[in-house]
Amino acid sequence: MARFGNGRGVGFCVLYLMVGAVIGGVLGELLRGVDALQSLVPYLVSTYPILDIAPFTLNLYVVSLTLGFSLSLNIMSIIGLLVAMYVFRKF
C-alpha cells in the first residue's frame, strides 16, 4: 500500500477527505437556518454535479445488480475537503 511521508496510507487520506466532505455538507445544511446568512447561504449549499454515472442493470439470472454513482458537491463540502487535507497533513 502506498504511504505518505507521515507514515499513513492512502486509505486513511481518503477516509479523512470523505469525513471532511460530509461534515462540510452537514454544516452547510445547518447554516441554512441562520437568518443572518440568508443572502450567502444559497451559494454555499447549492450543489454542483461533478461526476454522474447513470445506473445500469446487470442481470445474472440468479441475481440482478443495479449500479450507479453520482458525486455532487457544494461549496461547504469543498471547504470541508480543504480543512480535512490541512488536518491530515498537519497532524
PDB file of N, CA and C in Angstrom:
ATOM      1  N   MET A   1       0.847  -1.175   0.000  1.00  0.00           N
ATOM      2  CA  MET A   1       0.000   0.000   0.000  1.00  0.00           C
ATOM      3  C   MET A   1       0.893   1.238   0.000  1.00  0.00           C
ATOM      4  N   ALA A   2       0.513   2.223  -0.782  1.00  0.00           N
ATOM      5  CA  ALA A   2       1.282   3.464  -0.846  1.00  0.00           C
ATOM      6  C   ALA A   2       1.164   4.225   0.471  1.00  0.00           C
ATOM      7  N   ARG A   3       2.256   4.857   0.855  1.00  0.00           N
ATOM      8  CA  ARG A   3       2.288   5.605   2.102  1.00  0.00           C
ATOM      9  C   ARG A   3       2.769   7.013   1.837  1.00  0.00           C
ATOM     10  N   PHE A   4       2.239   7.932   2.637  1.00  0.00           N
ATOM     11  CA  PHE A   4       2.704   9.308   2.573  1.00  0.00           C
ATOM     12  C   PHE A   4       3.906   9.459   3.485  1.00  0.00           C
ATOM     13  N   GLY A   5       4.540  10.623   3.471  1.00  0.00           N
ATOM     14  CA  GLY A   5       5.730  10.870   4.270  1.00  0.00           C
ATOM     15  C   GLY A   5       5.504  10.730   5.766  1.00  0.00           C
ATOM     16  N   ASN A   6       4.270  10.906   6.221  1.00  0.00           N
ATOM     17  CA  ASN A   6       3.995  10.802   7.651  1.00  0.00           C
ATOM     18  C   ASN A   6       3.668   9.372   8.072  1.00  0.00           C
ATOM     19  N   GLY A   7       3.765   8.407   7.171  1.00  0.00           N
ATOM     20  CA  GLY A   7       3.571   7.013   7.517  1.00  0.00           C
ATOM     21  C   GLY A   7       2.133   6.523   7.387  1.00  0.00           C
ATOM     22  N   ARG A   8       1.204   7.397   7.066  1.00  0.00           N
ATOM     23  CA  ARG A   8      -0.190   6.987   6.910  1.00  0.00           C
ATOM     24  C   ARG A   8      -0.467   6.652   5.459  1.00  0.00           C
ATOM     25  N   GLY A   9      -1.359   5.713   5.240  1.00  0.00           N
ATOM     26  CA  GLY A   9      -1.645   5.242   3.900  1.00  0.00           C
ATOM     27  C   GLY A   9      -2.662   6.086   3.156  1.00  0.00           C
ATOM     28  N   VAL A  10      -2.838   5.737   1.894  1.00  0.00           N
ATOM     29  CA  VAL A  10      -3.770   6.428   1.018  1.00  0.00           C
ATOM     30  C   VAL A  10      -5.209   6.233   1.509  1.00  0.00           C
ATOM     31  N   GLY A  11      -5.512   5.067   2.009  1.00  0.00           N
ATOM     32  CA  GLY A  11      -6.858   4.796   2.520  1.00  0.00           C
ATOM     33  C   GLY A  11      -7.231   5.712   3.665  1.00  0.00           C
ATOM     34  N   PHE A  12      -6.275   5.991   4.528  1.00  0.00           N
ATOM     35  CA  PHE A  12      -6.508   6.894   5.651  1.00  0.00           C
ATOM     36  C   PHE A  12      -6.757   8.308   5.148  1.00  0.00           C
ATOM     37  N   CYS A  13      -6.054   8.717   4.104  1.00  0.00           N
ATOM     38  CA  CYS A  13      -6.256  10.032   3.493  1.00  0.00           C
ATOM     39  C   CYS A  13      -7.647  10.126   2.866  1.00  0.00           C
ATOM     40  N   VAL A  14      -8.069   9.093   2.156  1.00  0.00           N
ATOM     41  CA  VAL A  14      -9.392   9.074   1.545  1.00  0.00           C
ATOM     42  C   VAL A  14     -10.469   9.140   2.621  1.00  0.00           C
ATOM     43  N   LEU A  15     -10.254   8.437   3.732  1.00  0.00           N
ATOM     44  CA  LEU A  15     -11.198   8.484   4.838  1.00  0.00           C
ATOM     45  C   LEU A  15     -11.310   9.899   5.401  1.00  0.00           C
ATOM     46  N   TYR A  16     -10.195  10.569   5.606  1.00  0.00           N
ATOM     47  CA  TYR A  16     -10.193  11.955   6.078  1.00  0.00           C
ATOM     48  C   TYR A  16     -10.980  12.842   5.118  1.00  0.00           C
ATOM     49  N   LEU A  17     -10.736  12.698   3.812  1.00  0.00           N
ATOM     50  CA  LEU A  17     -11.403  13.535   2.819  1.00  0.00           C
ATOM     51  C   LEU A  17     -12.906  13.283   2.783  1.00  0.00           C
ATOM     52  N   MET A  18     -13.308  12.038   2.885  1.00  0.00           N
ATOM     53  CA  MET A  18     -14.733  11.725   2.883  1.00  0.00           C
ATOM     54  C   MET A  18     -15.425  12.293   4.110  1.00  0.00           C
ATOM     55  N   VAL A  19     -14.804  12.135   5.269  1.00  0.00           N
ATOM     56  CA  VAL A  19     -15.387  12.672   6.501  1.00  0.00           C
ATOM     57  C   VAL A  19     -15.439  14.196   6.439  1.00  0.00           C
ATOM     58  N   GLY A  20     -14.407  14.831   5.906  1.00  0.00           N
ATOM     59  CA  GLY A  20     -14.400  16.280   5.765  1.00  0.00           C
ATOM     60  C   GLY A  20     -15.503  16.773   4.851  1.00  0.00           C
ATOM     61  N   ALA A  21     -15.730  16.077   3.746  1.00  0.00           N
ATOM     62  CA  ALA A  21     -16.789  16.467   2.814  1.00  0.00           C
ATOM     63  C   ALA A  21     -18.165  16.310   3.454  1.00  0.00           C
ATOM     64  N   VAL A  22     -18.366  15.226   4.174  1.00  0.00           N
ATOM     65  CA  VAL A  22     -19.665  15.001   4.823  1.00  0.00           C
ATOM     66  C   VAL A  22     -19.908  16.040   5.918  1.00  0.00           C
ATOM     67  N   ILE A  23     -18.898  16.315   6.737  1.00  0.00           N
ATOM     68  CA  ILE A  23     -19.059  17.308   7.795  1.00  0.00           C
ATOM     69  C   ILE A  23     -19.305  18.689   7.186  1.00  0.00           C
ATOM     70  N   GLY A  24     -18.609  19.029   6.113  1.00  0.00           N
ATOM     71  CA  GLY A  24     -18.842  20.304   5.440  1.00  0.00           C
ATOM     72  C   GLY A  24     -20.253  20.405   4.889  1.00  0.00           C
ATOM     73  N   GLY A  25     -20.760  19.333   4.299  1.00  0.00           N
ATOM     74  CA  GLY A  25     -22.125  19.335   3.772  1.00  0.00           C
ATOM     75  C   GLY A  25     -23.171  19.475   4.870  1.00  0.00           C
ATOM     76  N   VAL A  26     -22.953  18.774   5.979  1.00  0.00           N
ATOM     77  CA  VAL A  26     -23.874  18.879   7.111  1.00  0.00           C
ATOM     78  C   VAL A  26     -23.823  20.277   7.706  1.00  0.00           C
ATOM     79  N   LEU A  27     -22.637  20.840   7.817  1.00  0.00           N
ATOM     80  CA  LEU A  27     -22.504  22.201   8.337  1.00  0.00           C
ATOM     81  C   LEU A  27     -23.212  23.200   7.420  1.00  0.00           C
ATOM     82  N   GLY A  28     -23.126  23.008   6.129  1.00  0.00           N
ATOM     83  CA  GLY A  28     -23.841  23.866   5.188  1.00  0.00           C
ATOM     84  C   GLY A  28     -25.347  23.782   5.367  1.00  0.00           C
ATOM     85  N   GLU A  29     -25.845  22.583   5.594  1.00  0.00           N
ATOM     86  CA  GLU A  29     -27.283  22.431   5.827  1.00  0.00           C
ATOM     87  C   GLU A  29     -27.701  23.075   7.149  1.00  0.00           C
ATOM     88  N   LEU A  30     -26.842  23.013   8.152  1.00  0.00           N
ATOM     89  CA  LEU A  30     -27.151  23.671   9.425  1.00  0.00           C
ATOM     90  C   LEU A  30     -27.149  25.189   9.276  1.00  0.00           C
ATOM     91  N   LEU A  31     -26.289  25.719   8.424  1.00  0.00           N
ATOM     92  CA  LEU A  31     -26.231  27.166   8.210  1.00  0.00           C
ATOM     93  C   LEU A  31     -27.449  27.679   7.445  1.00  0.00           C
ATOM     94  N   ARG A  32     -28.177  26.790   6.807  1.00  0.00           N
ATOM     95  CA  ARG A  32     -29.358  27.185   6.044  1.00  0.00           C
ATOM     96  C   ARG A  32     -30.399  27.867   6.946  1.00  0.00           C
ATOM     97  N   GLY A  33     -30.457  27.501   8.212  1.00  0.00           N
ATOM     98  CA  GLY A  33     -31.441  28.059   9.131  1.00  0.00           C
ATOM     99  C   GLY A  33     -31.007  29.348   9.811  1.00  0.00           C
ATOM    100  N   VAL A  34     -29.794  29.822   9.588  1.00  0.00           N
ATOM    101  CA  VAL A  34     -29.298  31.035  10.231  1.00  0.00           C
ATOM    102  C   VAL A  34     -29.804  32.250   9.456  1.00  0.00           C
ATOM    103  N   ASP A  35     -30.569  33.112  10.129  1.00  0.00           N
ATOM    104  CA  ASP A  35     -31.165  34.272   9.458  1.00  0.00           C
ATOM    105  C   ASP A  35     -30.130  35.292   9.019  1.00  0.00           C
ATOM    106  N   ALA A  36     -29.056  35.434   9.751  1.00  0.00           N
ATOM    107  CA  ALA A  36     -28.046  36.446   9.424  1.00  0.00           C
ATOM    108  C   ALA A  36     -27.302  36.134   8.125  1.00  0.00           C
ATOM    109  N   LEU A  37     -27.330  34.890   7.691  1.00  0.00           N
ATOM    110  CA  LEU A  37     -26.592  34.482   6.495  1.00  0.00           C
ATOM    111  C   LEU A  37     -27.503  34.178   5.307  1.00  0.00           C
ATOM    112  N   GLN A  38     -28.741  34.643   5.327  1.00  0.00           N
ATOM    113  CA  GLN A  38     -29.700  34.282   4.284  1.00  0.00           C
ATOM    114  C   GLN A  38     -29.259  34.688   2.884  1.00  0.00           C
ATOM    115  N   SER A  39     -28.496  35.768   2.750  1.00  0.00           N
ATOM    116  CA  SER A  39     -28.060  36.178   1.412  1.00  0.00           C
ATOM    117  C   SER A  39     -26.881  35.337   0.908  1.00  0.00           C
ATOM    118  N   LEU A  40     -26.117  34.743   1.805  1.00  0.00           N
ATOM    119  CA  LEU A  40     -24.927  33.977   1.443  1.00  0.00           C
ATOM    120  C   LEU A  40     -25.190  32.481   1.338  1.00  0.00           C
ATOM    121  N   VAL A  41     -26.115  31.968   2.115  1.00  0.00           N
ATOM    122  CA  VAL A  41     -26.335  30.523   2.223  1.00  0.00           C
ATOM    123  C   VAL A  41     -26.710  29.862   0.890  1.00  0.00           C
ATOM    124  N   PRO A  42     -27.539  30.453   0.038  1.00  0.00           N
ATOM    125  CA  PRO A  42     -27.854  29.744  -1.222  1.00  0.00           C
ATOM    126  C   PRO A  42     -26.622  29.415  -2.063  1.00  0.00           C
ATOM    127  N   TYR A  43     -25.614  30.253  -2.007  1.00  0.00           N
ATOM    128  CA  TYR A  43     -24.382  29.973  -2.753  1.00  0.00           C
ATOM    129  C   TYR A  43     -23.562  28.872  -2.097  1.00  0.00           C
ATOM    130  N   LEU A  44     -23.663  28.765  -0.781  1.00  0.00           N
ATOM    131  CA  LEU A  44     -22.873  27.766  -0.056  1.00  0.00           C
ATOM    132  C   LEU A  44     -23.466  26.372  -0.149  1.00  0.00           C
ATOM    133  N   VAL A  45     -24.784  26.252  -0.250  1.00  0.00           N
ATOM    134  CA  VAL A  45     -25.404  24.935  -0.180  1.00  0.00           C
ATOM    135  C   VAL A  45     -25.955  24.431  -1.508  1.00  0.00           C
ATOM    136  N   SER A  46     -25.907  25.230  -2.578  1.00  0.00           N
ATOM    137  CA  SER A  46     -26.363  24.702  -3.862  1.00  0.00           C
ATOM    138  C   SER A  46     -25.327  23.713  -4.386  1.00  0.00           C
ATOM    139  N   THR A  47     -25.803  22.586  -4.892  1.00  0.00           N
ATOM    140  CA  THR A  47     -24.901  21.508  -5.292  1.00  0.00           C
ATOM    141  C   THR A  47     -24.492  21.654  -6.748  1.00  0.00           C
ATOM    142  N   TYR A  48     -23.297  21.181  -7.030  1.00  0.00           N
ATOM    143  CA  TYR A  48     -22.729  21.201  -8.377  1.00  0.00           C
ATOM    144  C   TYR A  48     -22.333  19.779  -8.751  1.00  0.00           C
ATOM    145  N   PRO A  49     -22.964  19.214  -9.774  1.00  0.00           N
ATOM    146  CA  PRO A  49     -22.616  17.837 -10.150  1.00  0.00           C
ATOM    147  C   PRO A  49     -21.208  17.766 -10.740  1.00  0.00           C
ATOM    148  N   ILE A  50     -20.394  16.921 -10.172  1.00  0.00           N
ATOM    149  CA  ILE A  50     -19.021  16.730 -10.612  1.00  0.00           C
ATOM    150  C   ILE A  50     -18.923  15.489 -11.499  1.00  0.00           C
ATOM    151  N   LEU A  51     -19.537  14.419 -11.061  1.00  0.00           N
ATOM    152  CA  LEU A  51     -19.469  13.140 -11.768  1.00  0.00           C
ATOM    153  C   LEU A  51     -20.818  12.458 -11.641  1.00  0.00           C
ATOM    154  N   ASP A  52     -21.332  11.977 -12.743  1.00  0.00           N
ATOM    155  CA  ASP A  52     -22.624  11.299 -12.715  1.00  0.00           C
ATOM    156  C   ASP A  52     -22.588  10.131 -13.695  1.00  0.00           C
ATOM    157  N   ILE A  53     -22.588   8.950 -13.142  1.00  0.00           N
ATOM    158  CA  ILE A  53     -22.631   7.726 -13.953  1.00  0.00           C
ATOM    159  C   ILE A  53     -24.038   7.160 -13.804  1.00  0.00           C
ATOM    160  N   ALA A  54     -24.758   7.116 -14.899  1.00  0.00           N
ATOM    161  CA  ALA A  54     -26.147   6.658 -14.872  1.00  0.00           C
ATOM    162  C   ALA A  54     -26.221   5.210 -14.388  1.00  0.00           C
ATOM    163  N   PRO A  55     -27.269   4.876 -13.644  1.00  0.00           N
ATOM    164  CA  PRO A  55     -27.411   3.494 -13.176  1.00  0.00           C
ATOM    165  C   PRO A  55     -27.581   2.518 -14.349  1.00  0.00           C
ATOM    166  N   PHE A  56     -26.966   1.377 -14.210  1.00  0.00           N
ATOM    167  CA  PHE A  56     -27.137   0.324 -15.200  1.00  0.00           C
ATOM    168  C   PHE A  56     -27.406  -0.982 -14.471  1.00  0.00           C
ATOM    169  N   THR A  57     -28.108  -1.869 -15.140  1.00  0.00           N
ATOM    170  CA  THR A  57     -28.507  -3.131 -14.527  1.00  0.00           C
ATOM    171  C   THR A  57     -27.739  -4.283 -15.155  1.00  0.00           C
ATOM    172  N   LEU A  58     -27.207  -5.127 -14.305  1.00  0.00           N
ATOM    173  CA  LEU A  58     -26.512  -6.331 -14.737  1.00  0.00           C
ATOM    174  C   LEU A  58     -27.340  -7.531 -14.282  1.00  0.00           C
ATOM    175  N   ASN A  59     -27.936  -8.225 -15.233  1.00  0.00           N
ATOM    176  CA  ASN A  59     -28.793  -9.359 -14.927  1.00  0.00           C
ATOM    177  C   ASN A  59     -27.985 -10.642 -15.059  1.00  0.00           C
ATOM    178  N   LEU A  60     -27.764 -11.326 -13.944  1.00  0.00           N
ATOM    179  CA  LEU A  60     -27.004 -12.574 -13.934  1.00  0.00           C
ATOM    180  C   LEU A  60     -27.925 -13.785 -13.806  1.00  0.00           C
ATOM    181  N   TYR A  61     -29.215 -13.608 -14.022  1.00  0.00           N
ATOM    182  CA  TYR A  61     -30.261 -14.634 -13.990  1.00  0.00           C
ATOM    183  C   TYR A  61     -30.506 -15.199 -12.603  1.00  0.00           C
ATOM    184  N   VAL A  62     -29.554 -15.115 -11.727  1.00  0.00           N
ATOM    185  CA  VAL A  62     -29.766 -15.512 -10.339  1.00  0.00           C
ATOM    186  C   VAL A  62     -29.909 -14.263  -9.485  1.00  0.00           C
ATOM    187  N   VAL A  63     -29.121 -13.277  -9.820  1.00  0.00           N
ATOM    188  CA  VAL A  63     -29.098 -12.003  -9.105  1.00  0.00           C
ATOM    189  C   VAL A  63     -29.083 -10.890 -10.139  1.00  0.00           C
ATOM    190  N   SER A  64     -29.798  -9.843  -9.846  1.00  0.00           N
ATOM    191  CA  SER A  64     -29.800  -8.666 -10.715  1.00  0.00           C
ATOM    192  C   SER A  64     -29.183  -7.506  -9.938  1.00  0.00           C
ATOM    193  N   LEU A  65     -28.128  -6.912 -10.481  1.00  0.00           N
ATOM    194  CA  LEU A  65     -27.429  -5.817  -9.827  1.00  0.00           C
ATOM    195  C   LEU A  65     -27.684  -4.514 -10.578  1.00  0.00           C
ATOM    196  N   THR A  66     -27.975  -3.459  -9.834  1.00  0.00           N
ATOM    197  CA  THR A  66     -28.096  -2.128 -10.413  1.00  0.00           C
ATOM    198  C   THR A  66     -27.044  -1.253  -9.765  1.00  0.00           C
ATOM    199  N   LEU A  67     -26.155  -0.699 -10.595  1.00  0.00           N
ATOM    200  CA  LEU A  67     -25.043   0.102 -10.095  1.00  0.00           C
ATOM    201  C   LEU A  67     -25.050   1.474 -10.758  1.00  0.00           C
ATOM    202  N   GLY A  68     -24.691   2.480  -9.985  1.00  0.00           N
ATOM    203  CA  GLY A  68     -24.568   3.839 -10.492  1.00  0.00           C
ATOM    204  C   GLY A  68     -23.807   4.668  -9.477  1.00  0.00           C
ATOM    205  N   PHE A  69     -23.389   5.855  -9.875  1.00  0.00           N
ATOM    206  CA  PHE A  69     -22.601   6.697  -8.982  1.00  0.00           C
ATOM    207  C   PHE A  69     -22.842   8.156  -9.334  1.00  0.00           C
ATOM    208  N   SER A  70     -22.995   8.977  -8.315  1.00  0.00           N
ATOM    209  CA  SER A  70     -23.175  10.406  -8.523  1.00  0.00           C
ATOM    210  C   SER A  70     -22.387  11.153  -7.457  1.00  0.00           C
ATOM    211  N   LEU A  71     -21.616  12.148  -7.878  1.00  0.00           N
ATOM    212  CA  LEU A  71     -20.847  12.981  -6.955  1.00  0.00           C
ATOM    213  C   LEU A  71     -21.262  14.429  -7.182  1.00  0.00           C
ATOM    214  N   SER A  72     -21.968  14.995  -6.213  1.00  0.00           N
ATOM    215  CA  SER A  72     -22.428  16.378  -6.286  1.00  0.00           C
ATOM    216  C   SER A  72     -21.972  17.089  -5.019  1.00  0.00           C
ATOM    217  N   LEU A  73     -21.076  18.035  -5.172  1.00  0.00           N
ATOM    218  CA  LEU A  73     -20.527  18.763  -4.040  1.00  0.00           C
ATOM    219  C   LEU A  73     -21.131  20.155  -3.959  1.00  0.00           C
ATOM    220  N   ASN A  74     -21.106  20.720  -2.755  1.00  0.00           N
ATOM    221  CA  ASN A  74     -21.433  22.125  -2.591  1.00  0.00           C
ATOM    222  C   ASN A  74     -20.194  22.831  -2.036  1.00  0.00           C
ATOM    223  N   ILE A  75     -20.260  24.149  -1.944  1.00  0.00           N
ATOM    224  CA  ILE A  75     -19.090  24.918  -1.508  1.00  0.00           C
ATOM    225  C   ILE A  75     -18.660  24.515  -0.098  1.00  0.00           C
ATOM    226  N   MET A  76     -19.616  24.263   0.783  1.00  0.00           N
ATOM    227  CA  MET A  76     -19.264  23.862   2.146  1.00  0.00           C
ATOM    228  C   MET A  76     -18.569  22.500   2.155  1.00  0.00           C
ATOM    229  N   SER A  77     -18.947  21.597   1.283  1.00  0.00           N
ATOM    230  CA  SER A  77     -18.263  20.304   1.187  1.00  0.00           C
ATOM    231  C   SER A  77     -16.830  20.487   0.712  1.00  0.00           C
ATOM    232  N   ILE A  78     -16.633  21.397  -0.232  1.00  0.00           N
ATOM    233  CA  ILE A  78     -15.276  21.665  -0.721  1.00  0.00           C
ATOM    234  C   ILE A  78     -14.433  22.296   0.381  1.00  0.00           C
ATOM    235  N   ILE A  79     -15.023  23.205   1.162  1.00  0.00           N
ATOM    236  CA  ILE A  79     -14.299  23.778   2.309  1.00  0.00           C
ATOM    237  C   ILE A  79     -13.967  22.682   3.303  1.00  0.00           C
ATOM    238  N   GLY A  80     -14.899  21.755   3.538  1.00  0.00           N
ATOM    239  CA  GLY A  80     -14.631  20.618   4.418  1.00  0.00           C
ATOM    240  C   GLY A  80     -13.497  19.743   3.905  1.00  0.00           C
ATOM    241  N   LEU A  81     -13.433  19.548   2.576  1.00  0.00           N
ATOM    242  CA  LEU A  81     -12.331  18.787   1.980  1.00  0.00           C
ATOM    243  C   LEU A  81     -10.995  19.482   2.212  1.00  0.00           C
ATOM    244  N   LEU A  82     -10.974  20.800   2.021  1.00  0.00           N
ATOM    245  CA  LEU A  82      -9.729  21.547   2.211  1.00  0.00           C
ATOM    246  C   LEU A  82      -9.271  21.509   3.665  1.00  0.00           C
ATOM    247  N   VAL A  83     -10.201  21.643   4.596  1.00  0.00           N
ATOM    248  CA  VAL A  83      -9.846  21.561   6.023  1.00  0.00           C
ATOM    249  C   VAL A  83      -9.354  20.159   6.356  1.00  0.00           C
ATOM    250  N   ALA A  84      -9.989  19.133   5.795  1.00  0.00           N
ATOM    251  CA  ALA A  84      -9.553  17.757   6.046  1.00  0.00           C
ATOM    252  C   ALA A  84      -8.152  17.516   5.497  1.00  0.00           C
ATOM    253  N   MET A  85      -7.850  18.081   4.317  1.00  0.00           N
ATOM    254  CA  MET A  85      -6.490  17.932   3.774  1.00  0.00           C
ATOM    255  C   MET A  85      -5.474  18.618   4.674  1.00  0.00           C
ATOM    256  N   TYR A  86      -5.820  19.793   5.188  1.00  0.00           N
ATOM    257  CA  TYR A  86      -4.916  20.505   6.089  1.00  0.00           C
ATOM    258  C   TYR A  86      -4.687  19.708   7.374  1.00  0.00           C
ATOM    259  N   VAL A  87      -5.766  19.194   7.954  1.00  0.00           N
ATOM    260  CA  VAL A  87      -5.639  18.417   9.194  1.00  0.00           C
ATOM    261  C   VAL A  87      -4.838  17.151   8.941  1.00  0.00           C
ATOM    262  N   PHE A  88      -5.050  16.496   7.819  1.00  0.00           N
ATOM    263  CA  PHE A  88      -4.312  15.272   7.513  1.00  0.00           C
ATOM    264  C   PHE A  88      -2.815  15.547   7.389  1.00  0.00           C
ATOM    265  N   ARG A  89      -2.468  16.626   6.719  1.00  0.00           N
ATOM    266  CA  ARG A  89      -1.045  16.956   6.525  1.00  0.00           C
ATOM    267  C   ARG A  89      -0.394  17.472   7.803  1.00  0.00           C
ATOM    268  N   LYS A  90      -1.164  18.193   8.619  1.00  0.00           N
ATOM    269  CA  LYS A  90      -0.601  18.816   9.816  1.00  0.00           C
ATOM    270  C   LYS A  90      -0.413  17.806  10.950  1.00  0.00           C
ATOM    271  N   PHE A  91      -1.360  16.908  11.125  1.00  0.00           N
ATOM    272  CA  PHE A  91      -1.308  16.012  12.296  1.00  0.00           C
ATOM    273  C   PHE A  91      -1.064  14.610  11.886  1.00  0.00           C
TER     274      PHE A  91
END
